[in-house]
Amino acid sequence: MDEKKIEVLFFSILREQAACSGTTVNTKANTALELYGELTSLYSLNVPPETLLVAVNEEYMGMDGTIKDGDCVVFLPPVAGG
């Protein structure tokens, strides 16, 4: 597994939990789900992955979608409105 450099952006509750709006990480993760697992450990994120939407390079995909070196990954938590 080759290490990848991935830009990650956080929104809403994830931004609050991570205490930042984004970061660049070096990872061996191959999927968005694996990457989220690593980020959960690094930033103590507690939003269940099954509730998230994920976009890679501005295109929505499933958490099992492949990520590549240089990708920009955005995790979008559910948002309540009223």
N, C-alpha and C. Protein backbone atom coordinates (compact mmCIF):
# COMPACT_ATOMS: atom_id res chain seq x y z
N MET A 1 0.84 -1.19 0.00
CA MET A 1 0.00 0.00 0.00
C MET A 1 0.87 1.25 0.00
N ASP A 2 0.65 2.09 -0.96
CA ASP A 2 1.40 3.33 -1.02
C ASP A 2 0.69 4.40 -0.21
N GLU A 3 1.49 5.27 0.39
CA GLU A 3 0.92 6.36 1.17
C GLU A 3 0.42 7.45 0.22
N LYS A 4 -0.72 8.02 0.57
CA LYS A 4 -1.35 9.07 -0.23
C LYS A 4 -1.42 10.35 0.59
N LYS A 5 -1.37 11.48 -0.09
CA LYS A 5 -1.58 12.77 0.56
C LYS A 5 -2.98 13.23 0.16
N ILE A 6 -3.85 13.38 1.17
CA ILE A 6 -5.27 13.67 0.94
C ILE A 6 -5.64 14.96 1.67
N GLU A 7 -6.34 15.83 0.98
CA GLU A 7 -6.91 17.02 1.63
C GLU A 7 -8.29 16.63 2.16
N VAL A 8 -8.56 16.96 3.41
CA VAL A 8 -9.84 16.63 4.04
C VAL A 8 -10.49 17.92 4.52
N LEU A 9 -11.78 18.07 4.24
CA LEU A 9 -12.54 19.21 4.72
C LEU A 9 -13.64 18.73 5.65
N PHE A 10 -13.82 19.46 6.75
CA PHE A 10 -14.85 19.13 7.74
C PHE A 10 -15.92 20.22 7.75
N PHE A 11 -17.17 19.81 7.91
CA PHE A 11 -18.27 20.76 8.01
C PHE A 11 -19.12 20.45 9.23
N SER A 12 -19.84 21.48 9.69
CA SER A 12 -20.83 21.34 10.75
C SER A 12 -20.23 20.72 12.02
N ILE A 13 -20.88 19.71 12.56
CA ILE A 13 -20.44 19.11 13.82
C ILE A 13 -19.04 18.51 13.71
N LEU A 14 -18.68 18.01 12.54
CA LEU A 14 -17.33 17.45 12.37
C LEU A 14 -16.27 18.55 12.51
N ARG A 15 -16.57 19.74 11.99
CA ARG A 15 -15.63 20.86 12.14
C ARG A 15 -15.47 21.21 13.61
N GLU A 16 -16.57 21.19 14.35
CA GLU A 16 -16.51 21.48 15.78
C GLU A 16 -15.69 20.42 16.51
N GLN A 17 -15.94 19.17 16.21
CA GLN A 17 -15.23 18.08 16.90
C GLN A 17 -13.74 18.07 16.55
N ALA A 18 -13.40 18.35 15.30
CA ALA A 18 -12.00 18.34 14.88
C ALA A 18 -11.28 19.63 15.26
N ALA A 19 -12.05 20.67 15.60
CA ALA A 19 -11.50 21.99 15.94
C ALA A 19 -10.71 22.59 14.77
N CYS A 20 -11.12 22.23 13.53
CA CYS A 20 -10.53 22.82 12.34
C CYS A 20 -11.47 22.57 11.17
N SER A 21 -11.32 23.37 10.13
CA SER A 21 -12.19 23.20 8.97
C SER A 21 -11.60 22.24 7.94
N GLY A 22 -10.33 21.92 8.10
CA GLY A 22 -9.72 20.99 7.17
C GLY A 22 -8.28 20.71 7.52
N THR A 23 -7.74 19.72 6.84
CA THR A 23 -6.36 19.31 7.09
C THR A 23 -5.86 18.53 5.88
N THR A 24 -4.59 18.33 5.83
CA THR A 24 -3.99 17.43 4.85
C THR A 24 -3.37 16.28 5.62
N VAL A 25 -3.69 15.07 5.20
CA VAL A 25 -3.18 13.89 5.91
C VAL A 25 -2.43 12.98 4.95
N ASN A 26 -1.46 12.29 5.49
CA ASN A 26 -0.79 11.21 4.77
C ASN A 26 -1.43 9.92 5.27
N THR A 27 -1.90 9.11 4.35
CA THR A 27 -2.67 7.93 4.74
C THR A 27 -2.36 6.76 3.82
N LYS A 28 -2.59 5.58 4.33
CA LYS A 28 -2.54 4.37 3.52
C LYS A 28 -3.95 3.86 3.23
N ALA A 29 -4.96 4.62 3.68
CA ALA A 29 -6.36 4.25 3.46
C ALA A 29 -6.64 4.16 1.96
N ASN A 30 -7.45 3.19 1.59
CA ASN A 30 -7.84 3.03 0.18
C ASN A 30 -9.27 3.48 -0.09
N THR A 31 -10.07 3.61 0.97
CA THR A 31 -11.46 4.02 0.80
C THR A 31 -11.76 5.20 1.73
N ALA A 32 -12.84 5.88 1.44
CA ALA A 32 -13.27 6.98 2.30
C ALA A 32 -13.57 6.47 3.71
N LEU A 33 -14.14 5.27 3.82
CA LEU A 33 -14.45 4.71 5.13
C LEU A 33 -13.18 4.46 5.93
N GLU A 34 -12.15 3.91 5.30
CA GLU A 34 -10.88 3.68 5.99
C GLU A 34 -10.28 5.01 6.44
N LEU A 35 -10.35 6.02 5.57
CA LEU A 35 -9.83 7.34 5.91
C LEU A 35 -10.60 7.92 7.10
N TYR A 36 -11.93 7.80 7.07
CA TYR A 36 -12.74 8.32 8.18
C TYR A 36 -12.37 7.61 9.49
N GLY A 37 -12.09 6.33 9.42
CA GLY A 37 -11.66 5.59 10.60
C GLY A 37 -10.38 6.17 11.18
N GLU A 38 -9.43 6.50 10.33
CA GLU A 38 -8.19 7.12 10.80
C GLU A 38 -8.46 8.50 11.41
N LEU A 39 -9.30 9.27 10.75
CA LEU A 39 -9.62 10.62 11.25
C LEU A 39 -10.37 10.56 12.57
N THR A 40 -11.21 9.54 12.73
CA THR A 40 -11.93 9.36 13.99
C THR A 40 -10.95 9.22 15.15
N SER A 41 -9.90 8.46 14.92
CA SER A 41 -8.88 8.28 15.96
C SER A 41 -8.09 9.56 16.20
N LEU A 42 -7.72 10.25 15.13
CA LEU A 42 -6.91 11.47 15.25
C LEU A 42 -7.65 12.62 15.93
N TYR A 43 -8.94 12.75 15.60
CA TYR A 43 -9.70 13.92 16.03
C TYR A 43 -10.85 13.61 16.99
N SER A 44 -10.96 12.38 17.46
CA SER A 44 -12.05 11.98 18.36
C SER A 44 -13.42 12.31 17.78
N LEU A 45 -13.60 12.03 16.49
CA LEU A 45 -14.89 12.25 15.85
C LEU A 45 -15.86 11.17 16.31
N ASN A 46 -17.11 11.55 16.56
CA ASN A 46 -18.07 10.54 17.02
C ASN A 46 -19.34 10.48 16.19
N VAL A 47 -19.32 11.01 14.98
CA VAL A 47 -20.46 10.89 14.09
C VAL A 47 -20.35 9.54 13.38
N PRO A 48 -21.38 8.70 13.49
CA PRO A 48 -21.31 7.37 12.86
C PRO A 48 -21.12 7.49 11.34
N PRO A 49 -20.21 6.72 10.78
CA PRO A 49 -19.93 6.85 9.35
C PRO A 49 -21.13 6.57 8.46
N GLU A 50 -22.04 5.73 8.92
CA GLU A 50 -23.21 5.41 8.09
C GLU A 50 -24.17 6.58 7.94
N THR A 51 -24.00 7.64 8.73
CA THR A 51 -24.85 8.83 8.62
C THR A 51 -24.24 9.92 7.74
N LEU A 52 -23.01 9.71 7.28
CA LEU A 52 -22.29 10.73 6.53
C LEU A 52 -22.50 10.60 5.02
N LEU A 53 -22.46 11.74 4.36
CA LEU A 53 -22.28 11.77 2.92
C LEU A 53 -20.81 12.07 2.69
N VAL A 54 -20.27 11.59 1.60
CA VAL A 54 -18.86 11.86 1.29
C VAL A 54 -18.77 12.31 -0.16
N ALA A 55 -17.94 13.32 -0.38
CA ALA A 55 -17.66 13.77 -1.74
C ALA A 55 -16.15 13.72 -1.93
N VAL A 56 -15.75 13.21 -3.07
CA VAL A 56 -14.33 13.18 -3.43
C VAL A 56 -14.18 13.99 -4.71
N ASN A 57 -13.34 15.02 -4.62
CA ASN A 57 -13.14 15.92 -5.75
C ASN A 57 -14.47 16.45 -6.28
N GLU A 58 -15.33 16.85 -5.34
CA GLU A 58 -16.62 17.50 -5.61
C GLU A 58 -17.65 16.57 -6.24
N GLU A 59 -17.45 15.25 -6.14
CA GLU A 59 -18.44 14.29 -6.63
C GLU A 59 -18.83 13.35 -5.50
N TYR A 60 -20.14 13.23 -5.26
CA TYR A 60 -20.61 12.32 -4.22
C TYR A 60 -20.27 10.89 -4.58
N MET A 61 -19.94 10.13 -3.55
CA MET A 61 -19.65 8.71 -3.72
C MET A 61 -19.98 7.99 -2.43
N GLY A 62 -19.96 6.68 -2.46
CA GLY A 62 -20.18 5.89 -1.26
C GLY A 62 -18.92 5.86 -0.40
N MET A 63 -19.10 5.49 0.86
CA MET A 63 -17.96 5.40 1.77
C MET A 63 -16.99 4.32 1.33
N ASP A 64 -17.42 3.41 0.48
CA ASP A 64 -16.53 2.35 0.01
C ASP A 64 -15.79 2.75 -1.26
N GLY A 65 -15.99 3.99 -1.70
CA GLY A 65 -15.31 4.47 -2.91
C GLY A 65 -13.81 4.64 -2.69
N THR A 66 -13.06 4.43 -3.74
CA THR A 66 -11.60 4.50 -3.68
C THR A 66 -11.12 5.95 -3.64
N ILE A 67 -10.08 6.18 -2.83
CA ILE A 67 -9.43 7.49 -2.80
C ILE A 67 -8.01 7.33 -3.33
N LYS A 68 -7.54 8.42 -3.97
CA LYS A 68 -6.21 8.40 -4.59
C LYS A 68 -5.38 9.58 -4.08
N ASP A 69 -4.09 9.48 -4.28
CA ASP A 69 -3.18 10.55 -3.92
C ASP A 69 -3.64 11.86 -4.56
N GLY A 70 -3.68 12.92 -3.75
CA GLY A 70 -4.06 14.23 -4.26
C GLY A 70 -5.55 14.53 -4.20
N ASP A 71 -6.37 13.56 -3.80
CA ASP A 71 -7.82 13.78 -3.73
C ASP A 71 -8.17 14.77 -2.63
N CYS A 72 -9.32 15.42 -2.81
CA CYS A 72 -9.93 16.24 -1.77
C CYS A 72 -11.19 15.53 -1.31
N VAL A 73 -11.24 15.16 -0.03
CA VAL A 73 -12.36 14.40 0.52
C VAL A 73 -13.11 15.28 1.50
N VAL A 74 -14.44 15.33 1.32
CA VAL A 74 -15.29 16.11 2.20
C VAL A 74 -16.29 15.16 2.86
N PHE A 75 -16.33 15.20 4.19
CA PHE A 75 -17.31 14.41 4.94
C PHE A 75 -18.42 15.35 5.39
N LEU A 76 -19.66 15.02 5.03
CA LEU A 76 -20.82 15.88 5.32
C LEU A 76 -21.75 15.17 6.28
N PRO A 77 -21.84 15.66 7.51
CA PRO A 77 -22.76 15.06 8.48
C PRO A 77 -24.19 15.48 8.20
N PRO A 78 -25.15 14.76 8.76
CA PRO A 78 -26.54 15.15 8.59
C PRO A 78 -26.76 16.52 9.24
N VAL A 79 -27.61 17.32 8.60
CA VAL A 79 -27.88 18.66 9.10
C VAL A 79 -29.38 18.79 9.33
N ALA A 80 -29.73 19.26 10.51
CA ALA A 80 -31.16 19.48 10.83
C ALA A 80 -31.54 20.90 10.42
N GLY A 81 -32.74 21.04 9.97
CA GLY A 81 -33.24 22.37 9.59
C GLY A 81 -34.63 22.57 10.13
N GLY A 82 -35.08 23.76 10.04
CA GLY A 82 -36.42 23.97 10.56
C GLY A 82 -37.10 25.15 9.99
